[in-house]
């Protein structure tokens, strides 16, 4: 679970999320906060979770005991003072069963 704190600077609400030591793992691998969204209609937010920075599409992750497969990884940037700075990282996930079903149905469609 991520720790969320907020503060106000010049009328803008800034959200700061940091990963707790417990989530960082024993490998001393840096974990980063990701906004996780299950994209099965209707889309459902699974909150902000900490994962390694090198996640890719097709990888499997476990959230609250449920297995999910990553469908898309999005890095958003915002222009501030002439420089682009990272503003948000987002994972679009599908339950593993749904992901496999979609692959099967796509394969059937290609064969017909």
PDB file of N, CA and C in Angstrom:
ATOM      1  N   UNK A   1       0.851  -1.174   0.000  1.00  0.00           N
ATOM      2  CA  UNK A   1       0.000   0.000   0.000  1.00  0.00           C
ATOM      3  C   UNK A   1       0.892   1.231   0.000  1.00  0.00           C
ATOM      4  N   UNK A   2       0.530   2.214  -0.764  1.00  0.00           N
ATOM      5  CA  UNK A   2       1.306   3.437  -0.880  1.00  0.00           C
ATOM      6  C   UNK A   2       0.838   4.467   0.139  1.00  0.00           C
ATOM      7  N   UNK A   3       1.750   5.305   0.551  1.00  0.00           N
ATOM      8  CA  UNK A   3       1.443   6.387   1.471  1.00  0.00           C
ATOM      9  C   UNK A   3       1.177   7.625   0.645  1.00  0.00           C
ATOM     10  N   UNK A   4       0.031   8.265   0.852  1.00  0.00           N
ATOM     11  CA  UNK A   4      -0.350   9.426   0.066  1.00  0.00           C
ATOM     12  C   UNK A   4      -0.413  10.641   0.980  1.00  0.00           C
ATOM     13  N   UNK A   5       0.315  11.682   0.602  1.00  0.00           N
ATOM     14  CA  UNK A   5       0.255  12.941   1.337  1.00  0.00           C
ATOM     15  C   UNK A   5       0.021  14.056   0.345  1.00  0.00           C
ATOM     16  N   UNK A   6      -0.602  15.126   0.783  1.00  0.00           N
ATOM     17  CA  UNK A   6      -0.826  16.244  -0.126  1.00  0.00           C
ATOM     18  C   UNK A   6      -0.446  17.544   0.562  1.00  0.00           C
ATOM     19  N   UNK A   7      -0.045  18.502  -0.229  1.00  0.00           N
ATOM     20  CA  UNK A   7       0.277  19.827   0.280  1.00  0.00           C
ATOM     21  C   UNK A   7      -0.071  20.839  -0.796  1.00  0.00           C
ATOM     22  N   UNK A   8      -0.209  22.091  -0.395  1.00  0.00           N
ATOM     23  CA  UNK A   8      -0.603  23.126  -1.332  1.00  0.00           C
ATOM     24  C   UNK A   8       0.547  24.094  -1.562  1.00  0.00           C
ATOM     25  N   UNK A   9       0.910  24.303  -2.819  1.00  0.00           N
ATOM     26  CA  UNK A   9       1.923  25.265  -3.203  1.00  0.00           C
ATOM     27  C   UNK A   9       1.324  26.147  -4.288  1.00  0.00           C
ATOM     28  N   UNK A  10       1.277  27.411  -4.047  1.00  0.00           N
ATOM     29  CA  UNK A  10       0.780  28.418  -4.989  1.00  0.00           C
ATOM     30  C   UNK A  10      -0.517  27.980  -5.672  1.00  0.00           C
ATOM     31  N   UNK A  11      -1.509  27.651  -4.862  1.00  0.00           N
ATOM     32  CA  UNK A  11      -2.863  27.320  -5.295  1.00  0.00           C
ATOM     33  C   UNK A  11      -2.958  26.039  -6.123  1.00  0.00           C
ATOM     34  N   UNK A  12      -1.909  25.245  -6.173  1.00  0.00           N
ATOM     35  CA  UNK A  12      -1.968  23.988  -6.898  1.00  0.00           C
ATOM     36  C   UNK A  12      -1.848  22.844  -5.911  1.00  0.00           C
ATOM     37  N   UNK A  13      -2.692  21.854  -6.090  1.00  0.00           N
ATOM     38  CA  UNK A  13      -2.629  20.694  -5.222  1.00  0.00           C
ATOM     39  C   UNK A  13      -1.628  19.704  -5.827  1.00  0.00           C
ATOM     40  N   UNK A  14      -0.600  19.391  -5.070  1.00  0.00           N
ATOM     41  CA  UNK A  14       0.411  18.448  -5.542  1.00  0.00           C
ATOM     42  C   UNK A  14       0.272  17.162  -4.732  1.00  0.00           C
ATOM     43  N   UNK A  15       0.247  16.042  -5.415  1.00  0.00           N
ATOM     44  CA  UNK A  15       0.091  14.754  -4.773  1.00  0.00           C
ATOM     45  C   UNK A  15       1.433  14.054  -4.750  1.00  0.00           C
ATOM     46  N   UNK A  16       1.859  13.626  -3.574  1.00  0.00           N
ATOM     47  CA  UNK A  16       3.144  12.941  -3.452  1.00  0.00           C
ATOM     48  C   UNK A  16       2.890  11.525  -2.964  1.00  0.00           C
ATOM     49  N   UNK A  17       3.399  10.571  -3.704  1.00  0.00           N
ATOM     50  CA  UNK A  17       3.234   9.167  -3.356  1.00  0.00           C
ATOM     51  C   UNK A  17       4.620   8.562  -3.213  1.00  0.00           C
ATOM     52  N   UNK A  18       4.828   7.862  -2.132  1.00  0.00           N
ATOM     53  CA  UNK A  18       6.113   7.196  -1.953  1.00  0.00           C
ATOM     54  C   UNK A  18       5.878   5.744  -1.579  1.00  0.00           C
ATOM     55  N   UNK A  19       6.801   4.887  -1.969  1.00  0.00           N
ATOM     56  CA  UNK A  19       6.698   3.460  -1.682  1.00  0.00           C
ATOM     57  C   UNK A  19       7.314   3.188  -0.319  1.00  0.00           C
ATOM     58  N   UNK A  20       6.630   2.384   0.460  1.00  0.00           N
ATOM     59  CA  UNK A  20       7.144   2.044   1.774  1.00  0.00           C
ATOM     60  C   UNK A  20       8.276   1.031   1.643  1.00  0.00           C
ATOM     61  N   UNK A  21       9.113   0.955   2.650  1.00  0.00           N
ATOM     62  CA  UNK A  21      10.248   0.041   2.619  1.00  0.00           C
ATOM     63  C   UNK A  21       9.809  -1.399   2.442  1.00  0.00           C
ATOM     64  N   UNK A  22       8.688  -1.762   3.027  1.00  0.00           N
ATOM     65  CA  UNK A  22       8.181  -3.128   2.937  1.00  0.00           C
ATOM     66  C   UNK A  22       7.918  -3.530   1.487  1.00  0.00           C
ATOM     67  N   UNK A  23       7.513  -2.582   0.653  1.00  0.00           N
ATOM     68  CA  UNK A  23       7.197  -2.862  -0.742  1.00  0.00           C
ATOM     69  C   UNK A  23       8.437  -2.847  -1.626  1.00  0.00           C
ATOM     70  N   UNK A  24       9.546  -2.366  -1.145  1.00  0.00           N
ATOM     71  CA  UNK A  24      10.735  -2.247  -1.976  1.00  0.00           C
ATOM     72  C   UNK A  24      11.413  -3.584  -2.231  1.00  0.00           C
ATOM     73  N   UNK A  25      11.149  -4.560  -1.403  1.00  0.00           N
ATOM     74  CA  UNK A  25      11.723  -5.882  -1.630  1.00  0.00           C
ATOM     75  C   UNK A  25      13.125  -5.999  -1.081  1.00  0.00           C
ATOM     76  N   UNK A  26      13.625  -7.213  -1.121  1.00  0.00           N
ATOM     77  CA  UNK A  26      14.934  -7.494  -0.547  1.00  0.00           C
ATOM     78  C   UNK A  26      16.062  -7.335  -1.551  1.00  0.00           C
ATOM     79  N   UNK A  27      15.740  -7.206  -2.830  1.00  0.00           N
ATOM     80  CA  UNK A  27      16.773  -7.113  -3.858  1.00  0.00           C
ATOM     81  C   UNK A  27      17.333  -5.703  -3.971  1.00  0.00           C
ATOM     82  N   UNK A  28      16.907  -4.789  -3.148  1.00  0.00           N
ATOM     83  CA  UNK A  28      17.303  -3.379  -3.210  1.00  0.00           C
ATOM     84  C   UNK A  28      16.960  -2.773  -4.564  1.00  0.00           C
ATOM     85  N   UNK A  29      15.904  -3.277  -5.155  1.00  0.00           N
ATOM     86  CA  UNK A  29      15.449  -2.774  -6.449  1.00  0.00           C
ATOM     87  C   UNK A  29      14.500  -1.610  -6.197  1.00  0.00           C
ATOM     88  N   UNK A  30      14.687  -0.527  -6.926  1.00  0.00           N
ATOM     89  CA  UNK A  30      13.840   0.641  -6.738  1.00  0.00           C
ATOM     90  C   UNK A  30      12.449   0.375  -7.295  1.00  0.00           C
ATOM     91  N   UNK A  31      11.445   0.655  -6.497  1.00  0.00           N
ATOM     92  CA  UNK A  31      10.059   0.548  -6.918  1.00  0.00           C
ATOM     93  C   UNK A  31       9.483   1.948  -7.061  1.00  0.00           C
ATOM     94  N   UNK A  32       8.559   2.079  -8.008  1.00  0.00           N
ATOM     95  CA  UNK A  32       7.974   3.377  -8.289  1.00  0.00           C
ATOM     96  C   UNK A  32       6.456   3.263  -8.244  1.00  0.00           C
ATOM     97  N   UNK A  33       5.775   4.339  -7.853  1.00  0.00           N
ATOM     98  CA  UNK A  33       4.308   4.294  -7.791  1.00  0.00           C
ATOM     99  C   UNK A  33       3.684   4.336  -9.182  1.00  0.00           C
ATOM    100  N   UNK A  34       2.721   3.476  -9.405  1.00  0.00           N
ATOM    101  CA  UNK A  34       1.953   3.407 -10.640  1.00  0.00           C
ATOM    102  C   UNK A  34       0.477   3.501 -10.296  1.00  0.00           C
ATOM    103  N   UNK A  35      -0.259   4.248 -11.085  1.00  0.00           N
ATOM    104  CA  UNK A  35      -1.712   4.259 -10.988  1.00  0.00           C
ATOM    105  C   UNK A  35      -2.191   3.044 -11.785  1.00  0.00           C
ATOM    106  N   UNK A  36      -2.922   2.131 -11.138  1.00  0.00           N
ATOM    107  CA  UNK A  36      -3.313   0.875 -11.776  1.00  0.00           C
ATOM    108  C   UNK A  36      -4.802   0.909 -12.096  1.00  0.00           C
ATOM    109  N   UNK A  37      -5.145   0.599 -13.362  1.00  0.00           N
ATOM    110  CA  UNK A  37      -6.535   0.594 -13.809  1.00  0.00           C
ATOM    111  C   UNK A  37      -6.826  -0.726 -14.507  1.00  0.00           C
ATOM    112  N   UNK A  38      -7.877  -1.412 -14.038  1.00  0.00           N
ATOM    113  CA  UNK A  38      -8.338  -2.620 -14.727  1.00  0.00           C
ATOM    114  C   UNK A  38      -9.225  -2.156 -15.876  1.00  0.00           C
ATOM    115  N   UNK A  39      -8.867  -2.501 -17.108  1.00  0.00           N
ATOM    116  CA  UNK A  39      -9.538  -1.924 -18.271  1.00  0.00           C
ATOM    117  C   UNK A  39     -10.726  -2.725 -18.768  1.00  0.00           C
ATOM    118  N   UNK A  40     -11.063  -3.830 -18.103  1.00  0.00           N
ATOM    119  CA  UNK A  40     -12.250  -4.575 -18.489  1.00  0.00           C
ATOM    120  C   UNK A  40     -13.457  -3.669 -18.284  1.00  0.00           C
ATOM    121  N   UNK A  41     -14.333  -3.553 -19.290  1.00  0.00           N
ATOM    122  CA  UNK A  41     -15.465  -2.631 -19.144  1.00  0.00           C
ATOM    123  C   UNK A  41     -16.355  -2.995 -17.963  1.00  0.00           C
ATOM    124  N   UNK A  42     -16.761  -2.069 -17.166  1.00  0.00           N
ATOM    125  CA  UNK A  42     -16.315  -0.680 -17.085  1.00  0.00           C
ATOM    126  C   UNK A  42     -14.946  -0.598 -16.399  1.00  0.00           C
ATOM    127  N   UNK A  43     -14.097   0.349 -16.806  1.00  0.00           N
ATOM    128  CA  UNK A  43     -12.777   0.471 -16.177  1.00  0.00           C
ATOM    129  C   UNK A  43     -12.891   0.697 -14.671  1.00  0.00           C
ATOM    130  N   UNK A  44     -11.973   0.096 -13.926  1.00  0.00           N
ATOM    131  CA  UNK A  44     -12.015   0.181 -12.464  1.00  0.00           C
ATOM    132  C   UNK A  44     -10.618   0.508 -11.952  1.00  0.00           C
ATOM    133  N   UNK A  45     -10.523   1.510 -11.107  1.00  0.00           N
ATOM    134  CA  UNK A  45      -9.245   1.885 -10.530  1.00  0.00           C
ATOM    135  C   UNK A  45      -8.881   0.919  -9.407  1.00  0.00           C
ATOM    136  N   UNK A  46      -7.648   0.425  -9.435  1.00  0.00           N
ATOM    137  CA  UNK A  46      -7.156  -0.458  -8.390  1.00  0.00           C
ATOM    138  C   UNK A  46      -6.225   0.281  -7.437  1.00  0.00           C
ATOM    139  N   UNK A  47      -6.163   1.588  -7.579  1.00  0.00           N
ATOM    140  CA  UNK A  47      -5.367   2.413  -6.681  1.00  0.00           C
ATOM    141  C   UNK A  47      -3.954   2.639  -7.175  1.00  0.00           C
ATOM    142  N   UNK A  48      -3.138   3.155  -6.288  1.00  0.00           N
ATOM    143  CA  UNK A  48      -1.735   3.426  -6.599  1.00  0.00           C
ATOM    144  C   UNK A  48      -0.908   2.327  -5.950  1.00  0.00           C
ATOM    145  N   UNK A  49      -0.093   1.651  -6.754  1.00  0.00           N
ATOM    146  CA  UNK A  49       0.719   0.526  -6.284  1.00  0.00           C
ATOM    147  C   UNK A  49       2.171   0.757  -6.673  1.00  0.00           C
ATOM    148  N   UNK A  50       3.070   0.149  -5.932  1.00  0.00           N
ATOM    149  CA  UNK A  50       4.498   0.274  -6.216  1.00  0.00           C
ATOM    150  C   UNK A  50       5.016  -0.971  -6.920  1.00  0.00           C
ATOM    151  N   UNK A  51       5.695  -0.750  -8.055  1.00  0.00           N
ATOM    152  CA  UNK A  51       6.268  -1.823  -8.854  1.00  0.00           C
ATOM    153  C   UNK A  51       7.627  -1.371  -9.366  1.00  0.00           C
ATOM    154  N   UNK A  52       8.455  -2.323  -9.845  1.00  0.00           N
ATOM    155  CA  UNK A  52       9.741  -1.948 -10.448  1.00  0.00           C
ATOM    156  C   UNK A  52       9.527  -1.083 -11.689  1.00  0.00           C
ATOM    157  N   UNK A  53      10.524  -0.309 -12.042  1.00  0.00           N
ATOM    158  CA  UNK A  53      10.384   0.629 -13.151  1.00  0.00           C
ATOM    159  C   UNK A  53      10.443  -0.038 -14.521  1.00  0.00           C
ATOM    160  N   UNK A  54      10.866  -1.294 -14.602  1.00  0.00           N
ATOM    161  CA  UNK A  54      11.062  -1.942 -15.899  1.00  0.00           C
ATOM    162  C   UNK A  54       9.913  -2.862 -16.296  1.00  0.00           C
ATOM    163  N   UNK A  55       8.686  -2.564 -15.890  1.00  0.00           N
ATOM    164  CA  UNK A  55       7.534  -3.386 -16.263  1.00  0.00           C
ATOM    165  C   UNK A  55       7.231  -3.240 -17.751  1.00  0.00           C
ATOM    166  N   UNK A  56       6.757  -4.359 -18.356  1.00  0.00           N
ATOM    167  CA  UNK A  56       6.437  -4.354 -19.773  1.00  0.00           C
ATOM    168  C   UNK A  56       5.088  -5.019 -19.998  1.00  0.00           C
ATOM    169  N   UNK A  57       4.520  -4.799 -21.182  1.00  0.00           N
ATOM    170  CA  UNK A  57       3.257  -5.428 -21.542  1.00  0.00           C
ATOM    171  C   UNK A  57       3.420  -6.940 -21.550  1.00  0.00           C
ATOM    172  N   UNK A  58       2.390  -7.629 -21.066  1.00  0.00           N
ATOM    173  CA  UNK A  58       2.402  -9.084 -21.042  1.00  0.00           C
ATOM    174  C   UNK A  58       2.927  -9.673 -19.750  1.00  0.00           C
ATOM    175  N   UNK A  59       3.524  -8.853 -18.891  1.00  0.00           N
ATOM    176  CA  UNK A  59       4.019  -9.353 -17.611  1.00  0.00           C
ATOM    177  C   UNK A  59       2.861  -9.544 -16.652  1.00  0.00           C
ATOM    178  N   UNK A  60       3.055 -10.425 -15.705  1.00  0.00           N
ATOM    179  CA  UNK A  60       2.022 -10.721 -14.719  1.00  0.00           C
ATOM    180  C   UNK A  60       2.354 -10.031 -13.402  1.00  0.00           C
ATOM    181  N   UNK A  61       1.346  -9.426 -12.772  1.00  0.00           N
ATOM    182  CA  UNK A  61       1.490  -8.803 -11.459  1.00  0.00           C
ATOM    183  C   UNK A  61       0.362  -9.298 -10.565  1.00  0.00           C
ATOM    184  N   UNK A  62       0.612  -9.300  -9.272  1.00  0.00           N
ATOM    185  CA  UNK A  62      -0.405  -9.716  -8.307  1.00  0.00           C
ATOM    186  C   UNK A  62      -0.780  -8.523  -7.446  1.00  0.00           C
ATOM    187  N   UNK A  63      -2.076  -8.245  -7.379  1.00  0.00           N
ATOM    188  CA  UNK A  63      -2.586  -7.145  -6.563  1.00  0.00           C
ATOM    189  C   UNK A  63      -3.674  -7.706  -5.674  1.00  0.00           C
ATOM    190  N   UNK A  64      -3.443  -7.616  -4.363  1.00  0.00           N
ATOM    191  CA  UNK A  64      -4.376  -8.116  -3.357  1.00  0.00           C
ATOM    192  C   UNK A  64      -4.786  -9.563  -3.637  1.00  0.00           C
ATOM    193  N   UNK A  65      -3.823 -10.408  -3.978  1.00  0.00           N
ATOM    194  CA  UNK A  65      -4.077 -11.822  -4.199  1.00  0.00           C
ATOM    195  C   UNK A  65      -4.666 -12.181  -5.548  1.00  0.00           C
ATOM    196  N   UNK A  66      -4.953 -11.202  -6.385  1.00  0.00           N
ATOM    197  CA  UNK A  66      -5.539 -11.431  -7.710  1.00  0.00           C
ATOM    198  C   UNK A  66      -4.457 -11.260  -8.767  1.00  0.00           C
ATOM    199  N   UNK A  67      -4.387 -12.197  -9.721  1.00  0.00           N
ATOM    200  CA  UNK A  67      -3.380 -12.139 -10.786  1.00  0.00           C
ATOM    201  C   UNK A  67      -3.897 -11.288 -11.943  1.00  0.00           C
ATOM    202  N   UNK A  68      -3.057 -10.369 -12.418  1.00  0.00           N
ATOM    203  CA  UNK A  68      -3.379  -9.504 -13.542  1.00  0.00           C
ATOM    204  C   UNK A  68      -2.245  -9.549 -14.554  1.00  0.00           C
ATOM    205  N   UNK A  69      -2.568  -9.297 -15.818  1.00  0.00           N
ATOM    206  CA  UNK A  69      -1.575  -9.198 -16.879  1.00  0.00           C
ATOM    207  C   UNK A  69      -1.572  -7.772 -17.402  1.00  0.00           C
ATOM    208  N   UNK A  70      -0.389  -7.210 -17.570  1.00  0.00           N
ATOM    209  CA  UNK A  70      -0.253  -5.818 -18.003  1.00  0.00           C
ATOM    210  C   UNK A  70      -0.581  -5.702 -19.481  1.00  0.00           C
ATOM    211  N   UNK A  71      -1.512  -4.816 -19.795  1.00  0.00           N
ATOM    212  CA  UNK A  71      -1.925  -4.579 -21.165  1.00  0.00           C
ATOM    213  C   UNK A  71      -1.224  -3.356 -21.762  1.00  0.00           C
ATOM    214  N   UNK A  72      -0.952  -2.348 -20.935  1.00  0.00           N
ATOM    215  CA  UNK A  72      -0.283  -1.134 -21.407  1.00  0.00           C
ATOM    216  C   UNK A  72       0.420  -0.440 -20.239  1.00  0.00           C
ATOM    217  N   UNK A  73       1.556   0.172 -20.540  1.00  0.00           N
ATOM    218  CA  UNK A  73       2.294   0.980 -19.571  1.00  0.00           C
ATOM    219  C   UNK A  73       2.382   2.386 -20.146  1.00  0.00           C
ATOM    220  N   UNK A  74       1.916   3.382 -19.387  1.00  0.00           N
ATOM    221  CA  UNK A  74       1.883   4.760 -19.863  1.00  0.00           C
ATOM    222  C   UNK A  74       2.701   5.643 -18.928  1.00  0.00           C
ATOM    223  N   UNK A  75       3.608   6.430 -19.514  1.00  0.00           N
ATOM    224  CA  UNK A  75       4.376   7.419 -18.768  1.00  0.00           C
ATOM    225  C   UNK A  75       3.929   8.783 -19.264  1.00  0.00           C
ATOM    226  N   UNK A  76       3.423   9.607 -18.371  1.00  0.00           N
ATOM    227  CA  UNK A  76       2.973  10.952 -18.754  1.00  0.00           C
ATOM    228  C   UNK A  76       3.965  11.983 -18.231  1.00  0.00           C
ATOM    229  N   UNK A  77       4.169  13.002 -19.046  1.00  0.00           N
ATOM    230  CA  UNK A  77       5.087  14.082 -18.696  1.00  0.00           C
ATOM    231  C   UNK A  77       4.360  15.408 -18.759  1.00  0.00           C
ATOM    232  N   UNK A  78       4.867  16.382 -17.987  1.00  0.00           N
ATOM    233  CA  UNK A  78       4.267  17.704 -17.954  1.00  0.00           C
ATOM    234  C   UNK A  78       5.379  18.735 -18.163  1.00  0.00           C
ATOM    235  N   UNK A  79       5.086  19.740 -18.973  1.00  0.00           N
ATOM    236  CA  UNK A  79       6.060  20.794 -19.246  1.00  0.00           C
ATOM    237  C   UNK A  79       6.048  21.795 -18.101  1.00  0.00           C
ATOM    238  N   UNK A  80       7.196  21.928 -17.419  1.00  0.00           N
ATOM    239  CA  UNK A  80       7.334  22.874 -16.313  1.00  0.00           C
ATOM    240  C   UNK A  80       8.644  23.623 -16.479  1.00  0.00           C
ATOM    241  N   UNK A  81       8.549  24.931 -16.526  1.00  0.00           N
ATOM    242  CA  UNK A  81       9.729  25.795 -16.636  1.00  0.00           C
ATOM    243  C   UNK A  81      10.619  25.403 -17.800  1.00  0.00           C
ATOM    244  N   UNK A  82      10.002  25.056 -18.936  1.00  0.00           N
ATOM    245  CA  UNK A  82      10.763  24.739 -20.133  1.00  0.00           C
ATOM    246  C   UNK A  82      11.323  23.326 -20.197  1.00  0.00           C
ATOM    247  N   UNK A  83      11.017  22.493 -19.205  1.00  0.00           N
ATOM    248  CA  UNK A  83      11.510  21.123 -19.191  1.00  0.00           C
ATOM    249  C   UNK A  83      10.339  20.161 -18.990  1.00  0.00           C
ATOM    250  N   UNK A  84      10.443  19.015 -19.619  1.00  0.00           N
ATOM    251  CA  UNK A  84       9.437  17.978 -19.397  1.00  0.00           C
ATOM    252  C   UNK A  84       9.836  17.167 -18.172  1.00  0.00           C
ATOM    253  N   UNK A  85       8.912  17.074 -17.231  1.00  0.00           N
ATOM    254  CA  UNK A  85       9.142  16.312 -16.013  1.00  0.00           C
ATOM    255  C   UNK A  85       8.107  15.202 -15.915  1.00  0.00           C
ATOM    256  N   UNK A  86       8.502  14.018 -15.394  1.00  0.00           N
ATOM    257  CA  UNK A  86       7.526  12.938 -15.232  1.00  0.00           C
ATOM    258  C   UNK A  86       6.408  13.363 -14.280  1.00  0.00           C
ATOM    259  N   UNK A  87       5.160  13.094 -14.672  1.00  0.00           N
ATOM    260  CA  UNK A  87       4.054  13.474 -13.808  1.00  0.00           C
ATOM    261  C   UNK A  87       3.233  12.281 -13.340  1.00  0.00           C
ATOM    262  N   UNK A  88       3.175  11.209 -14.137  1.00  0.00           N
ATOM    263  CA  UNK A  88       2.348  10.064 -13.747  1.00  0.00           C
ATOM    264  C   UNK A  88       2.770   8.823 -14.521  1.00  0.00           C
ATOM    265  N   UNK A  89       2.708   7.688 -13.842  1.00  0.00           N
ATOM    266  CA  UNK A  89       2.922   6.395 -14.488  1.00  0.00           C
ATOM    267  C   UNK A  89       1.656   5.589 -14.280  1.00  0.00           C
ATOM    268  N   UNK A  90       1.184   4.952 -15.345  1.00  0.00           N
ATOM    269  CA  UNK A  90      -0.092   4.232 -15.273  1.00  0.00           C
ATOM    270  C   UNK A  90       0.058   2.845 -15.886  1.00  0.00           C
ATOM    271  N   UNK A  91      -0.551   1.862 -15.225  1.00  0.00           N
ATOM    272  CA  UNK A  91      -0.618   0.503 -15.752  1.00  0.00           C
ATOM    273  C   UNK A  91      -2.062   0.185 -16.089  1.00  0.00           C
ATOM    274  N   UNK A  92      -2.305  -0.266 -17.316  1.00  0.00           N
ATOM    275  CA  UNK A  92      -3.612  -0.789 -17.695  1.00  0.00           C
ATOM    276  C   UNK A  92      -3.498  -2.298 -17.621  1.00  0.00           C
ATOM    277  N   UNK A  93      -4.339  -2.932 -16.812  1.00  0.00           N
ATOM    278  CA  UNK A  93      -4.243  -4.372 -16.591  1.00  0.00           C
ATOM    279  C   UNK A  93      -5.554  -5.066 -16.893  1.00  0.00           C
ATOM    280  N   UNK A  94      -5.458  -6.354 -17.182  1.00  0.00           N
ATOM    281  CA  UNK A  94      -6.610  -7.243 -17.340  1.00  0.00           C
ATOM    282  C   UNK A  94      -6.398  -8.418 -16.413  1.00  0.00           C
ATOM    283  N   UNK A  95      -7.482  -8.994 -15.899  1.00  0.00           N
ATOM    284  CA  UNK A  95      -7.322 -10.218 -15.126  1.00  0.00           C
ATOM    285  C   UNK A  95      -6.709 -11.254 -16.067  1.00  0.00           C
ATOM    286  N   UNK A  96      -5.901 -12.142 -15.526  1.00  0.00           N
ATOM    287  CA  UNK A  96      -5.172 -13.085 -16.365  1.00  0.00           C
ATOM    288  C   UNK A  96      -6.112 -13.958 -17.189  1.00  0.00           C
ATOM    289  N   UNK A  97      -7.234 -14.370 -16.599  1.00  0.00           N
ATOM    290  CA  UNK A  97      -8.217 -15.166 -17.341  1.00  0.00           C
ATOM    291  C   UNK A  97      -8.789 -14.413 -18.519  1.00  0.00           C
ATOM    292  N   UNK A  98      -9.111 -13.157 -18.319  1.00  0.00           N
ATOM    293  CA  UNK A  98      -9.664 -12.331 -19.395  1.00  0.00           C
ATOM    294  C   UNK A  98      -8.624 -12.103 -20.496  1.00  0.00           C
ATOM    295  N   UNK A  99      -7.377 -11.906 -20.104  1.00  0.00           N
ATOM    296  CA  UNK A  99      -6.296 -11.698 -21.062  1.00  0.00           C
ATOM    297  C   UNK A  99      -6.137 -12.922 -21.965  1.00  0.00           C
ATOM    298  N   UNK A 100      -6.138 -14.117 -21.366  1.00  0.00           N
ATOM    299  CA  UNK A 100      -6.008 -15.351 -22.150  1.00  0.00           C
ATOM    300  C   UNK A 100      -7.221 -15.571 -23.053  1.00  0.00           C
ATOM    301  N   UNK A 101      -8.421 -15.257 -22.565  1.00  0.00           N
ATOM    302  CA  UNK A 101      -9.629 -15.371 -23.370  1.00  0.00           C
ATOM    303  C   UNK A 101      -9.561 -14.440 -24.578  1.00  0.00           C
ATOM    304  N   UNK A 102      -9.091 -13.204 -24.378  1.00  0.00           N
ATOM    305  CA  UNK A 102      -8.951 -12.257 -25.485  1.00  0.00           C
ATOM    306  C   UNK A 102      -7.962 -12.775 -26.529  1.00  0.00           C
ATOM    307  N   UNK A 103      -6.838 -13.352 -26.076  1.00  0.00           N
ATOM    308  CA  UNK A 103      -5.867 -13.917 -27.020  1.00  0.00           C
ATOM    309  C   UNK A 103      -6.492 -15.058 -27.830  1.00  0.00           C
ATOM    310  N   UNK A 104      -7.252 -15.931 -27.172  1.00  0.00           N
ATOM    311  CA  UNK A 104      -7.904 -17.044 -27.842  1.00  0.00           C
ATOM    312  C   UNK A 104      -8.906 -16.553 -28.887  1.00  0.00           C
ATOM    313  N   UNK A 105      -9.721 -15.573 -28.511  1.00  0.00           N
ATOM    314  CA  UNK A 105     -10.730 -15.036 -29.431  1.00  0.00           C
ATOM    315  C   UNK A 105     -10.078 -14.314 -30.614  1.00  0.00           C
ATOM    316  N   UNK A 106      -8.995 -13.583 -30.384  1.00  0.00           N
ATOM    317  CA  UNK A 106      -8.274 -12.941 -31.479  1.00  0.00           C
ATOM    318  C   UNK A 106      -7.716 -13.977 -32.449  1.00  0.00           C
ATOM    319  N   UNK A 107      -7.207 -15.090 -31.911  1.00  0.00           N
ATOM    320  CA  UNK A 107      -6.665 -16.161 -32.735  1.00  0.00           C
ATOM    321  C   UNK A 107      -7.773 -16.794 -33.590  1.00  0.00           C
ATOM    322  N   UNK A 108      -8.955 -17.006 -32.998  1.00  0.00           N
ATOM    323  CA  UNK A 108     -10.095 -17.547 -33.754  1.00  0.00           C
ATOM    324  C   UNK A 108     -10.514 -16.607 -34.888  1.00  0.00           C
ATOM    325  N   UNK A 109     -10.502 -15.321 -34.591  1.00  0.00           N
ATOM    326  CA  UNK A 109     -10.888 -14.330 -35.590  1.00  0.00           C
ATOM    327  C   UNK A 109      -9.908 -14.320 -36.773  1.00  0.00           C
ATOM    328  N   UNK A 110      -8.624 -14.444 -36.480  1.00  0.00           N
ATOM    329  CA  UNK A 110      -7.613 -14.465 -37.541  1.00  0.00           C
ATOM    330  C   UNK A 110      -7.737 -15.719 -38.414  1.00  0.00           C
ATOM    331  N   UNK A 111      -8.140 -16.834 -37.820  1.00  0.00           N
ATOM    332  CA  UNK A 111      -8.241 -18.089 -38.551  1.00  0.00           C
ATOM    333  C   UNK A 111      -9.476 -18.150 -39.429  1.00  0.00           C
ATOM    334  N   UNK A 112     -10.480 -17.379 -39.125  1.00  0.00           N
ATOM    335  CA  UNK A 112     -11.726 -17.457 -39.907  1.00  0.00           C
ATOM    336  C   UNK A 112     -11.673 -16.630 -41.171  1.00  0.00           C
TER     337      UNK A 112
END
